[in-house]
PDB file of N, CA and C in Angstrom:
ATOM      1  N   MET A   1     -10.645  21.764 -14.335  1.00  0.00           N
ATOM      2  CA  MET A   1     -10.349  22.711 -15.393  1.00  0.00           C
ATOM      3  C   MET A   1     -11.467  22.730 -16.429  1.00  0.00           C
ATOM      4  N   GLY A   2     -12.034  21.565 -16.710  1.00  0.00           N
ATOM      5  CA  GLY A   2     -13.083  21.492 -17.714  1.00  0.00           C
ATOM      6  C   GLY A   2     -14.339  22.229 -17.286  1.00  0.00           C
ATOM      7  N   LEU A   3     -14.732  22.050 -16.032  1.00  0.00           N
ATOM      8  CA  LEU A   3     -15.916  22.746 -15.527  1.00  0.00           C
ATOM      9  C   LEU A   3     -15.694  24.251 -15.522  1.00  0.00           C
ATOM     10  N   TYR A   4     -14.517  24.681 -15.098  1.00  0.00           N
ATOM     11  CA  TYR A   4     -14.204  26.109 -15.114  1.00  0.00           C
ATOM     12  C   TYR A   4     -14.277  26.654 -16.537  1.00  0.00           C
ATOM     13  N   ALA A   5     -13.710  25.923 -17.485  1.00  0.00           N
ATOM     14  CA  ALA A   5     -13.695  26.385 -18.871  1.00  0.00           C
ATOM     15  C   ALA A   5     -15.104  26.477 -19.444  1.00  0.00           C
ATOM     16  N   VAL A   6     -15.934  25.489 -19.152  1.00  0.00           N
ATOM     17  CA  VAL A   6     -17.313  25.511 -19.655  1.00  0.00           C
ATOM     18  C   VAL A   6     -18.081  26.678 -19.067  1.00  0.00           C
ATOM     19  N   LEU A   7     -17.952  26.892 -17.760  1.00  0.00           N
ATOM     20  CA  LEU A   7     -18.676  28.000 -17.128  1.00  0.00           C
ATOM     21  C   LEU A   7     -18.142  29.356 -17.569  1.00  0.00           C
ATOM     22  N   ALA A   8     -16.834  29.475 -17.720  1.00  0.00           N
ATOM     23  CA  ALA A   8     -16.274  30.748 -18.178  1.00  0.00           C
ATOM     24  C   ALA A   8     -16.736  31.058 -19.597  1.00  0.00           C
ATOM     25  N   TYR A   9     -16.816  30.045 -20.441  1.00  0.00           N
ATOM     26  CA  TYR A   9     -17.296  30.244 -21.804  1.00  0.00           C
ATOM     27  C   TYR A   9     -18.772  30.621 -21.804  1.00  0.00           C
ATOM     28  N   ARG A  10     -19.558  29.948 -20.969  1.00  0.00           N
ATOM     29  CA  ARG A  10     -20.986  30.250 -20.875  1.00  0.00           C
ATOM     30  C   ARG A  10     -21.202  31.676 -20.373  1.00  0.00           C
ATOM     31  N   VAL A  11     -20.419  32.113 -19.408  1.00  0.00           N
ATOM     32  CA  VAL A  11     -20.538  33.482 -18.891  1.00  0.00           C
ATOM     33  C   VAL A  11     -20.140  34.480 -19.970  1.00  0.00           C
ATOM     34  N   SER A  12     -19.079  34.184 -20.718  1.00  0.00           N
ATOM     35  CA  SER A  12     -18.655  35.122 -21.758  1.00  0.00           C
ATOM     36  C   SER A  12     -19.697  35.244 -22.866  1.00  0.00           C
ATOM     37  N   LEU A  13     -20.417  34.151 -23.148  1.00  0.00           N
ATOM     38  CA  LEU A  13     -21.473  34.220 -24.156  1.00  0.00           C
ATOM     39  C   LEU A  13     -22.701  34.987 -23.671  1.00  0.00           C
ATOM     40  N   SER A  14     -22.929  34.977 -22.374  1.00  0.00           N
ATOM     41  CA  SER A  14     -24.139  35.612 -21.851  1.00  0.00           C
ATOM     42  C   SER A  14     -23.859  36.915 -21.116  1.00  0.00           C
ATOM     43  N   LEU A  15     -22.754  37.565 -21.411  1.00  0.00           N
ATOM     44  CA  LEU A  15     -22.450  38.834 -20.737  1.00  0.00           C
ATOM     45  C   LEU A  15     -23.510  39.888 -21.021  1.00  0.00           C
ATOM     46  N   ARG A  16     -24.020  39.922 -22.228  1.00  0.00           N
ATOM     47  CA  ARG A  16     -25.048  40.913 -22.559  1.00  0.00           C
ATOM     48  C   ARG A  16     -26.314  40.669 -21.741  1.00  0.00           C
ATOM     49  N   GLU A  17     -26.716  39.414 -21.657  1.00  0.00           N
ATOM     50  CA  GLU A  17     -27.900  39.067 -20.864  1.00  0.00           C
ATOM     51  C   GLU A  17     -27.698  39.418 -19.392  1.00  0.00           C
ATOM     52  N   ILE A  18     -26.526  39.117 -18.868  1.00  0.00           N
ATOM     53  CA  ILE A  18     -26.229  39.421 -17.465  1.00  0.00           C
ATOM     54  C   ILE A  18     -26.236  40.924 -17.238  1.00  0.00           C
ATOM     55  N   GLY A  19     -25.659  41.677 -18.174  1.00  0.00           N
ATOM     56  CA  GLY A  19     -25.656  43.132 -18.060  1.00  0.00           C
ATOM     57  C   GLY A  19     -27.061  43.709 -18.068  1.00  0.00           C
ATOM     58  N   ILE A  20     -27.922  43.179 -18.923  1.00  0.00           N
ATOM     59  CA  ILE A  20     -29.308  43.658 -18.971  1.00  0.00           C
ATOM     60  C   ILE A  20     -30.035  43.309 -17.687  1.00  0.00           C
ATOM     61  N   ARG A  21     -29.814  42.109 -17.167  1.00  0.00           N
ATOM     62  CA  ARG A  21     -30.425  41.734 -15.881  1.00  0.00           C
ATOM     63  C   ARG A  21     -30.003  42.686 -14.769  1.00  0.00           C
ATOM     64  N   MET A  22     -28.712  43.004 -14.752  1.00  0.00           N
ATOM     65  CA  MET A  22     -28.221  43.895 -13.702  1.00  0.00           C
ATOM     66  C   MET A  22     -28.754  45.306 -13.903  1.00  0.00           C
ATOM     67  N   ALA A  23     -28.926  45.719 -15.152  1.00  0.00           N
ATOM     68  CA  ALA A  23     -29.489  47.046 -15.413  1.00  0.00           C
ATOM     69  C   ALA A  23     -30.952  47.124 -14.980  1.00  0.00           C
ATOM     70  N   LEU A  24     -31.641  45.999 -15.039  1.00  0.00           N
ATOM     71  CA  LEU A  24     -33.043  45.962 -14.627  1.00  0.00           C
ATOM     72  C   LEU A  24     -33.222  45.743 -13.132  1.00  0.00           C
ATOM     73  N   GLY A  25     -32.114  45.610 -12.407  1.00  0.00           N
ATOM     74  CA  GLY A  25     -32.204  45.557 -10.954  1.00  0.00           C
ATOM     75  C   GLY A  25     -31.725  44.291 -10.287  1.00  0.00           C
ATOM     76  N   ALA A  26     -31.204  43.346 -11.032  1.00  0.00           N
ATOM     77  CA  ALA A  26     -30.688  42.130 -10.408  1.00  0.00           C
ATOM     78  C   ALA A  26     -29.422  42.460  -9.625  1.00  0.00           C
ATOM     79  N   SER A  27     -29.314  41.894  -8.463  1.00  0.00           N
ATOM     80  CA  SER A  27     -28.130  42.155  -7.633  1.00  0.00           C
ATOM     81  C   SER A  27     -26.974  41.250  -8.067  1.00  0.00           C
ATOM     82  N   ALA A  28     -25.796  41.624  -7.639  1.00  0.00           N
ATOM     83  CA  ALA A  28     -24.611  40.806  -7.943  1.00  0.00           C
ATOM     84  C   ALA A  28     -24.735  39.438  -7.288  1.00  0.00           C
ATOM     85  N   THR A  29     -25.381  39.389  -6.120  1.00  0.00           N
ATOM     86  CA  THR A  29     -25.585  38.113  -5.437  1.00  0.00           C
ATOM     87  C   THR A  29     -26.492  37.197  -6.246  1.00  0.00           C
ATOM     88  N   ALA A  30     -27.532  37.749  -6.847  1.00  0.00           N
ATOM     89  CA  ALA A  30     -28.446  36.946  -7.662  1.00  0.00           C
ATOM     90  C   ALA A  30     -27.743  36.403  -8.903  1.00  0.00           C
ATOM     91  N   VAL A  31     -26.904  37.218  -9.520  1.00  0.00           N
ATOM     92  CA  VAL A  31     -26.162  36.774 -10.701  1.00  0.00           C
ATOM     93  C   VAL A  31     -25.161  35.696 -10.310  1.00  0.00           C
ATOM     94  N   THR A  32     -24.465  35.909  -9.211  1.00  0.00           N
ATOM     95  CA  THR A  32     -23.492  34.925  -8.738  1.00  0.00           C
ATOM     96  C   THR A  32     -24.168  33.602  -8.432  1.00  0.00           C
ATOM     97  N   SER A  33     -25.279  33.652  -7.721  1.00  0.00           N
ATOM     98  CA  SER A  33     -25.960  32.411  -7.366  1.00  0.00           C
ATOM     99  C   SER A  33     -26.509  31.696  -8.596  1.00  0.00           C
ATOM    100  N   SER A  34     -26.919  32.435  -9.609  1.00  0.00           N
ATOM    101  CA  SER A  34     -27.403  31.819 -10.842  1.00  0.00           C
ATOM    102  C   SER A  34     -26.296  31.042 -11.546  1.00  0.00           C
ATOM    103  N   VAL A  35     -25.123  31.635 -11.641  1.00  0.00           N
ATOM    104  CA  VAL A  35     -23.996  30.972 -12.303  1.00  0.00           C
ATOM    105  C   VAL A  35     -23.520  29.771 -11.482  1.00  0.00           C
ATOM    106  N   VAL A  36     -23.425  29.947 -10.167  1.00  0.00           N
ATOM    107  CA  VAL A  36     -22.988  28.841  -9.309  1.00  0.00           C
ATOM    108  C   VAL A  36     -24.005  27.703  -9.358  1.00  0.00           C
ATOM    109  N   ARG A  37     -25.284  28.028  -9.361  1.00  0.00           N
ATOM    110  CA  ARG A  37     -26.327  27.002  -9.415  1.00  0.00           C
ATOM    111  C   ARG A  37     -26.222  26.185 -10.701  1.00  0.00           C
ATOM    112  N   SER A  38     -25.982  26.843 -11.821  1.00  0.00           N
ATOM    113  CA  SER A  38     -25.855  26.097 -13.077  1.00  0.00           C
ATOM    114  C   SER A  38     -24.598  25.228 -13.064  1.00  0.00           C
ATOM    115  N   GLY A  39     -23.533  25.724 -12.474  1.00  0.00           N
ATOM    116  CA  GLY A  39     -22.301  24.928 -12.373  1.00  0.00           C
ATOM    117  C   GLY A  39     -22.462  23.739 -11.450  1.00  0.00           C
ATOM    118  N   LEU A  40     -23.154  23.935 -10.338  1.00  0.00           N
ATOM    119  CA  LEU A  40     -23.350  22.828  -9.413  1.00  0.00           C
ATOM    120  C   LEU A  40     -24.311  21.791  -9.984  1.00  0.00           C
ATOM    121  N   GLY A  41     -25.172  22.200 -10.902  1.00  0.00           N
ATOM    122  CA  GLY A  41     -25.997  21.228 -11.614  1.00  0.00           C
ATOM    123  C   GLY A  41     -25.145  20.303 -12.457  1.00  0.00           C
ATOM    124  N   LEU A  42     -24.131  20.869 -13.094  1.00  0.00           N
ATOM    125  CA  LEU A  42     -23.194  20.043 -13.867  1.00  0.00           C
ATOM    126  C   LEU A  42     -22.384  19.128 -12.949  1.00  0.00           C
ATOM    127  N   VAL A  43     -22.024  19.640 -11.774  1.00  0.00           N
ATOM    128  CA  VAL A  43     -21.287  18.818 -10.805  1.00  0.00           C
ATOM    129  C   VAL A  43     -22.158  17.646 -10.350  1.00  0.00           C
ATOM    130  N   ALA A  44     -23.434  17.900 -10.083  1.00  0.00           N
ATOM    131  CA  ALA A  44     -24.339  16.833  -9.647  1.00  0.00           C
ATOM    132  C   ALA A  44     -24.514  15.783 -10.740  1.00  0.00           C
ATOM    133  N   LEU A  45     -24.626  16.213 -11.976  1.00  0.00           N
ATOM    134  CA  LEU A  45     -24.722  15.269 -13.086  1.00  0.00           C
ATOM    135  C   LEU A  45     -23.447  14.428 -13.177  1.00  0.00           C
ATOM    136  N   GLY A  46     -22.308  15.070 -13.006  1.00  0.00           N
ATOM    137  CA  GLY A  46     -21.039  14.343 -13.012  1.00  0.00           C
ATOM    138  C   GLY A  46     -20.932  13.343 -11.870  1.00  0.00           C
ATOM    139  N   PHE A  47     -21.471  13.711 -10.690  1.00  0.00           N
ATOM    140  CA  PHE A  47     -21.479  12.777  -9.557  1.00  0.00           C
ATOM    141  C   PHE A  47     -22.291  11.530  -9.882  1.00  0.00           C
ATOM    142  N   CYS A  48     -23.467  11.727 -10.451  1.00  0.00           N
ATOM    143  CA  CYS A  48     -24.327  10.579 -10.763  1.00  0.00           C
ATOM    144  C   CYS A  48     -23.651   9.651 -11.769  1.00  0.00           C
ATOM    145  N   LEU A  49     -23.119  10.224 -12.828  1.00  0.00           N
ATOM    146  CA  LEU A  49     -22.448   9.404 -13.837  1.00  0.00           C
ATOM    147  C   LEU A  49     -21.164   8.785 -13.286  1.00  0.00           C
ATOM    148  N   GLY A  50     -20.426   9.545 -12.499  1.00  0.00           N
ATOM    149  CA  GLY A  50     -19.180   9.040 -11.931  1.00  0.00           C
ATOM    150  C   GLY A  50     -19.400   7.942 -10.909  1.00  0.00           C
ATOM    151  N   LEU A  51     -20.444   8.070 -10.102  1.00  0.00           N
ATOM    152  CA  LEU A  51     -20.737   7.039  -9.117  1.00  0.00           C
ATOM    153  C   LEU A  51     -21.136   5.734  -9.804  1.00  0.00           C
ATOM    154  N   ALA A  52     -21.944   5.842 -10.848  1.00  0.00           N
ATOM    155  CA  ALA A  52     -22.322   4.641 -11.597  1.00  0.00           C
ATOM    156  C   ALA A  52     -21.091   4.005 -12.236  1.00  0.00           C
ATOM    157  N   GLY A  53     -20.220   4.833 -12.806  1.00  0.00           N
ATOM    158  CA  GLY A  53     -18.994   4.313 -13.409  1.00  0.00           C
ATOM    159  C   GLY A  53     -18.048   3.711 -12.383  1.00  0.00           C
ATOM    160  N   ALA A  54     -17.968   4.322 -11.204  1.00  0.00           N
ATOM    161  CA  ALA A  54     -17.086   3.806 -10.159  1.00  0.00           C
ATOM    162  C   ALA A  54     -17.585   2.463  -9.628  1.00  0.00           C
ATOM    163  N   ARG A  55     -18.889   2.335  -9.486  1.00  0.00           N
ATOM    164  CA  ARG A  55     -19.438   1.058  -9.014  1.00  0.00           C
ATOM    165  C   ARG A  55     -19.202  -0.039 -10.057  1.00  0.00           C
ATOM    166  N   TRP A  56     -19.368   0.288 -11.328  1.00  0.00           N
ATOM    167  CA  TRP A  56     -19.131  -0.679 -12.394  1.00  0.00           C
ATOM    168  C   TRP A  56     -17.651  -1.061 -12.452  1.00  0.00           C
ATOM    169  N   ALA A  57     -16.776  -0.067 -12.417  1.00  0.00           N
ATOM    170  CA  ALA A  57     -15.331  -0.341 -12.484  1.00  0.00           C
ATOM    171  C   ALA A  57     -14.851  -1.064 -11.227  1.00  0.00           C
ATOM    172  N   GLY A  58     -15.461  -0.761 -10.084  1.00  0.00           N
ATOM    173  CA  GLY A  58     -15.086  -1.441  -8.843  1.00  0.00           C
ATOM    174  C   GLY A  58     -15.360  -2.928  -8.901  1.00  0.00           C
ATOM    175  N   ARG A  59     -16.467  -3.291  -9.522  1.00  0.00           N
ATOM    176  CA  ARG A  59     -16.768  -4.718  -9.669  1.00  0.00           C
ATOM    177  C   ARG A  59     -15.767  -5.398 -10.592  1.00  0.00           C
ATOM    178  N   LEU A  60     -15.375  -4.701 -11.661  1.00  0.00           N
ATOM    179  CA  LEU A  60     -14.422  -5.289 -12.602  1.00  0.00           C
ATOM    180  C   LEU A  60     -13.024  -5.432 -11.996  1.00  0.00           C
ATOM    181  N   LEU A  61     -12.635  -4.472 -11.173  1.00  0.00           N
ATOM    182  CA  LEU A  61     -11.279  -4.449 -10.621  1.00  0.00           C
ATOM    183  C   LEU A  61     -11.178  -5.055  -9.227  1.00  0.00           C
ATOM    184  N   GLN A  62     -12.234  -5.683  -8.734  1.00  0.00           N
ATOM    185  CA  GLN A  62     -12.272  -6.204  -7.369  1.00  0.00           C
ATOM    186  C   GLN A  62     -11.078  -7.117  -7.071  1.00  0.00           C
ATOM    187  N   GLY A  63     -10.690  -7.951  -8.000  1.00  0.00           N
ATOM    188  CA  GLY A  63      -9.588  -8.882  -7.768  1.00  0.00           C
ATOM    189  C   GLY A  63      -8.220  -8.212  -7.723  1.00  0.00           C
ATOM    190  N   MET A  64      -8.089  -7.018  -8.262  1.00  0.00           N
ATOM    191  CA  MET A  64      -6.795  -6.334  -8.306  1.00  0.00           C
ATOM    192  C   MET A  64      -6.585  -5.370  -7.147  1.00  0.00           C
ATOM    193  N   LEU A  65      -7.625  -5.100  -6.369  1.00  0.00           N
ATOM    194  CA  LEU A  65      -7.526  -4.148  -5.269  1.00  0.00           C
ATOM    195  C   LEU A  65      -7.122  -4.871  -3.992  1.00  0.00           C
ATOM    196  N   TYR A  66      -6.123  -4.335  -3.304  1.00  0.00           N
ATOM    197  CA  TYR A  66      -5.646  -4.942  -2.063  1.00  0.00           C
ATOM    198  C   TYR A  66      -5.853  -3.964  -0.923  1.00  0.00           C
ATOM    199  N   GLY A  67      -6.489  -4.407   0.131  1.00  0.00           N
ATOM    200  CA  GLY A  67      -6.672  -3.582   1.315  1.00  0.00           C
ATOM    201  C   GLY A  67      -7.897  -2.690   1.279  1.00  0.00           C
ATOM    202  N   VAL A  68      -8.560  -2.625   0.151  1.00  0.00           N
ATOM    203  CA  VAL A  68      -9.781  -1.827   0.035  1.00  0.00           C
ATOM    204  C   VAL A  68     -10.697  -2.525  -0.965  1.00  0.00           C
ATOM    205  N   GLY A  69     -11.974  -2.485  -0.685  1.00  0.00           N
ATOM    206  CA  GLY A  69     -12.935  -3.119  -1.574  1.00  0.00           C
ATOM    207  C   GLY A  69     -13.272  -2.207  -2.744  1.00  0.00           C
ATOM    208  N   GLY A  70     -13.812  -2.777  -3.781  1.00  0.00           N
ATOM    209  CA  GLY A  70     -14.198  -2.003  -4.952  1.00  0.00           C
ATOM    210  C   GLY A  70     -15.403  -1.119  -4.693  1.00  0.00           C
ATOM    211  N   GLN A  71     -16.156  -1.409  -3.639  1.00  0.00           N
ATOM    212  CA  GLN A  71     -17.358  -0.654  -3.309  1.00  0.00           C
ATOM    213  C   GLN A  71     -17.221   0.036  -1.945  1.00  0.00           C
ATOM    214  N   ASP A  72     -16.028   0.413  -1.554  1.00  0.00           N
ATOM    215  CA  ASP A  72     -15.765   1.005  -0.244  1.00  0.00           C
ATOM    216  C   ASP A  72     -16.477   2.353  -0.110  1.00  0.00           C
ATOM    217  N   PRO A  73     -17.467   2.465   0.784  1.00  0.00           N
ATOM    218  CA  PRO A  73     -18.225   3.716   0.884  1.00  0.00           C
ATOM    219  C   PRO A  73     -17.399   4.889   1.414  1.00  0.00           C
ATOM    220  N   LEU A  74     -16.431   4.636   2.272  1.00  0.00           N
ATOM    221  CA  LEU A  74     -15.599   5.719   2.795  1.00  0.00           C
ATOM    222  C   LEU A  74     -14.761   6.348   1.687  1.00  0.00           C
ATOM    223  N   THR A  75     -14.194   5.524   0.838  1.00  0.00           N
ATOM    224  CA  THR A  75     -13.395   6.035  -0.276  1.00  0.00           C
ATOM    225  C   THR A  75     -14.264   6.816  -1.253  1.00  0.00           C
ATOM    226  N   LEU A  76     -15.432   6.280  -1.587  1.00  0.00           N
ATOM    227  CA  LEU A  76     -16.334   6.979  -2.499  1.00  0.00           C
ATOM    228  C   LEU A  76     -16.795   8.310  -1.911  1.00  0.00           C
ATOM    229  N   ALA A  77     -17.081   8.331  -0.605  1.00  0.00           N
ATOM    230  CA  ALA A  77     -17.513   9.578   0.045  1.00  0.00           C
ATOM    231  C   ALA A  77     -16.380  10.596   0.082  1.00  0.00           C
ATOM    232  N   ALA A  78     -15.159  10.154   0.343  1.00  0.00           N
ATOM    233  CA  ALA A  78     -14.022  11.080   0.396  1.00  0.00           C
ATOM    234  C   ALA A  78     -13.748  11.691  -0.982  1.00  0.00           C
ATOM    235  N   VAL A  79     -13.810  10.875  -2.006  1.00  0.00           N
ATOM    236  CA  VAL A  79     -13.592  11.383  -3.360  1.00  0.00           C
ATOM    237  C   VAL A  79     -14.719  12.331  -3.762  1.00  0.00           C
ATOM    238  N   ALA A  80     -15.959  11.990  -3.397  1.00  0.00           N
ATOM    239  CA  ALA A  80     -17.095  12.857  -3.712  1.00  0.00           C
ATOM    240  C   ALA A  80     -16.957  14.203  -3.008  1.00  0.00           C
ATOM    241  N   ALA A  81     -16.525  14.210  -1.750  1.00  0.00           N
ATOM    242  CA  ALA A  81     -16.343  15.463  -1.017  1.00  0.00           C
ATOM    243  C   ALA A  81     -15.230  16.310  -1.640  1.00  0.00           C
ATOM    244  N   LEU A  82     -14.150  15.668  -2.032  1.00  0.00           N
ATOM    245  CA  LEU A  82     -13.047  16.393  -2.671  1.00  0.00           C
ATOM    246  C   LEU A  82     -13.496  17.003  -3.994  1.00  0.00           C
ATOM    247  N   LEU A  83     -14.207  16.224  -4.803  1.00  0.00           N
ATOM    248  CA  LEU A  83     -14.653  16.732  -6.087  1.00  0.00           C
ATOM    249  C   LEU A  83     -15.720  17.812  -5.928  1.00  0.00           C
ATOM    250  N   ALA A  84     -16.555  17.723  -4.905  1.00  0.00           N
ATOM    251  CA  ALA A  84     -17.548  18.774  -4.654  1.00  0.00           C
ATOM    252  C   ALA A  84     -16.856  20.085  -4.285  1.00  0.00           C
ATOM    253  N   THR A  85     -15.796  19.997  -3.502  1.00  0.00           N
ATOM    254  CA  THR A  85     -15.046  21.196  -3.126  1.00  0.00           C
ATOM    255  C   THR A  85     -14.377  21.827  -4.346  1.00  0.00           C
ATOM    256  N   VAL A  86     -13.732  21.013  -5.145  1.00  0.00           N
ATOM    257  CA  VAL A  86     -13.064  21.521  -6.344  1.00  0.00           C
ATOM    258  C   VAL A  86     -14.092  22.068  -7.333  1.00  0.00           C
ATOM    259  N   GLY A  87     -15.225  21.391  -7.472  1.00  0.00           N
ATOM    260  CA  GLY A  87     -16.286  21.869  -8.352  1.00  0.00           C
ATOM    261  C   GLY A  87     -16.860  23.195  -7.888  1.00  0.00           C
ATOM    262  N   GLY A  88     -17.030  23.350  -6.588  1.00  0.00           N
ATOM    263  CA  GLY A  88     -17.514  24.620  -6.047  1.00  0.00           C
ATOM    264  C   GLY A  88     -16.539  25.753  -6.304  1.00  0.00           C
ATOM    265  N   LEU A  89     -15.262  25.483  -6.145  1.00  0.00           N
ATOM    266  CA  LEU A  89     -14.254  26.508  -6.429  1.00  0.00           C
ATOM    267  C   LEU A  89     -14.208  26.853  -7.909  1.00  0.00           C
ATOM    268  N   ALA A  90     -14.385  25.853  -8.761  1.00  0.00           N
ATOM    269  CA  ALA A  90     -14.384  26.107 -10.202  1.00  0.00           C
ATOM    270  C   ALA A  90     -15.586  26.941 -10.619  1.00  0.00           C
ATOM    271  N   CYS A  91     -16.676  26.862  -9.871  1.00  0.00           N
ATOM    272  CA  CYS A  91     -17.877  27.648 -10.178  1.00  0.00           C
ATOM    273  C   CYS A  91     -17.769  29.093  -9.707  1.00  0.00           C
ATOM    274  N   THR A  92     -16.998  29.341  -8.666  1.00  0.00           N
ATOM    275  CA  THR A  92     -16.973  30.687  -8.091  1.00  0.00           C
ATOM    276  C   THR A  92     -16.224  31.696  -8.959  1.00  0.00           C
ATOM    277  N   LEU A  93     -15.194  31.267  -9.651  1.00  0.00           N
ATOM    278  CA  LEU A  93     -14.424  32.233 -10.446  1.00  0.00           C
ATOM    279  C   LEU A  93     -15.238  32.822 -11.601  1.00  0.00           C
ATOM    280  N   PRO A  94     -15.912  32.012 -12.432  1.00  0.00           N
ATOM    281  CA  PRO A  94     -16.757  32.623 -13.466  1.00  0.00           C
ATOM    282  C   PRO A  94     -17.932  33.401 -12.873  1.00  0.00           C
ATOM    283  N   ALA A  95     -18.434  32.955 -11.719  1.00  0.00           N
ATOM    284  CA  ALA A  95     -19.546  33.666 -11.082  1.00  0.00           C
ATOM    285  C   ALA A  95     -19.112  35.050 -10.621  1.00  0.00           C
ATOM    286  N   ARG A  96     -17.905  35.161 -10.110  1.00  0.00           N
ATOM    287  CA  ARG A  96     -17.402  36.481  -9.690  1.00  0.00           C
ATOM    288  C   ARG A  96     -17.206  37.385 -10.899  1.00  0.00           C
ATOM    289  N   LYS A  97     -16.766  36.806 -12.022  1.00  0.00           N
ATOM    290  CA  LYS A  97     -16.612  37.594 -13.242  1.00  0.00           C
ATOM    291  C   LYS A  97     -17.973  38.090 -13.722  1.00  0.00           C
ATOM    292  N   ALA A  98     -18.983  37.234 -13.645  1.00  0.00           N
ATOM    293  CA  ALA A  98     -20.322  37.624 -14.073  1.00  0.00           C
ATOM    294  C   ALA A  98     -20.892  38.714 -13.176  1.00  0.00           C
ATOM    295  N   ALA A  99     -20.616  38.654 -11.886  1.00  0.00           N
ATOM    296  CA  ALA A  99     -21.135  39.649 -10.957  1.00  0.00           C
ATOM    297  C   ALA A  99     -20.446  40.994 -11.121  1.00  0.00           C
ATOM    298  N   ALA A 100     -19.262  41.013 -11.699  1.00  0.00           N
ATOM    299  CA  ALA A 100     -18.518  42.259 -11.866  1.00  0.00           C
ATOM    300  C   ALA A 100     -18.841  42.979 -13.168  1.00  0.00           C
ATOM    301  N   VAL A 101     -19.796  42.446 -13.932  1.00  0.00           N
ATOM    302  CA  VAL A 101     -20.151  43.051 -15.213  1.00  0.00           C
ATOM    303  C   VAL A 101     -20.813  44.405 -14.979  1.00  0.00           C
ATOM    304  N   SER A 102     -20.372  45.382 -15.723  1.00  0.00           N
ATOM    305  CA  SER A 102     -20.983  46.707 -15.664  1.00  0.00           C
ATOM    306  C   SER A 102     -22.072  46.789 -16.731  1.00  0.00           C
ATOM    307  N   PRO A 103     -23.321  47.038 -16.323  1.00  0.00           N
ATOM    308  CA  PRO A 103     -24.395  47.121 -17.320  1.00  0.00           C
ATOM    309  C   PRO A 103     -24.160  48.168 -18.388  1.00  0.00           C
ATOM    310  N   ALA A 104     -23.598  49.289 -18.018  1.00  0.00           N
ATOM    311  CA  ALA A 104     -23.347  50.362 -18.994  1.00  0.00           C
ATOM    312  C   ALA A 104     -22.332  49.920 -20.045  1.00  0.00           C
ATOM    313  N   ASP A 105     -21.289  49.227 -19.634  1.00  0.00           N
ATOM    314  CA  ASP A 105     -20.277  48.771 -20.584  1.00  0.00           C
ATOM    315  C   ASP A 105     -20.842  47.725 -21.551  1.00  0.00           C
ATOM    316  N   VAL A 106     -21.678  46.856 -21.053  1.00  0.00           N
ATOM    317  CA  VAL A 106     -22.246  45.811 -21.893  1.00  0.00           C
ATOM    318  C   VAL A 106     -23.188  46.400 -22.926  1.00  0.00           C
ATOM    319  N   ILE A 107     -24.011  47.323 -22.489  1.00  0.00           N
ATOM    320  CA  ILE A 107     -24.967  47.952 -23.419  1.00  0.00           C
ATOM    321  C   ILE A 107     -24.232  48.842 -24.417  1.00  0.00           C
ATOM    322  N   ARG A 108     -23.170  49.478 -23.989  1.00  0.00           N
ATOM    323  CA  ARG A 108     -22.396  50.380 -24.840  1.00  0.00           C
ATOM    324  C   ARG A 108     -21.710  49.628 -25.984  1.00  0.00           C
ATOM    325  N   VAL A 109     -21.351  48.384 -25.770  1.00  0.00           N
ATOM    326  CA  VAL A 109     -20.656  47.591 -26.788  1.00  0.00           C
ATOM    327  C   VAL A 109     -21.546  47.401 -28.010  1.00  0.00           C
ATOM    328  N   GLU A 110     -22.839  47.198 -27.809  1.00  0.00           N
ATOM    329  CA  GLU A 110     -23.762  46.988 -28.928  1.00  0.00           C
ATOM    330  C   GLU A 110     -23.948  48.307 -29.631  1.00  0.00           C
TER     331      GLU A 110
END
């Protein structure tokens, strides 16, 4: 929800810029990929910080975990894959909104 909210807010702030880009010839695919790329950059940053935090917390909680180690690579990979999927879905909704911007409507507002 947080990633979606940040990207939706960023898209709403840059609607004028997106409209001008589209008026100058940018395709909806280019706008969509730009928004998704910026969102996936945030996801990658979250992965790096989360992996470091998980490794640190795994060492601290090693004695309390039963049946799985604190550094279990399968568990970390499964969680990373799940979060990548959810992060990708959270990026697509604001990207679709950005691609649907009408350049004439954006310019007309000013």
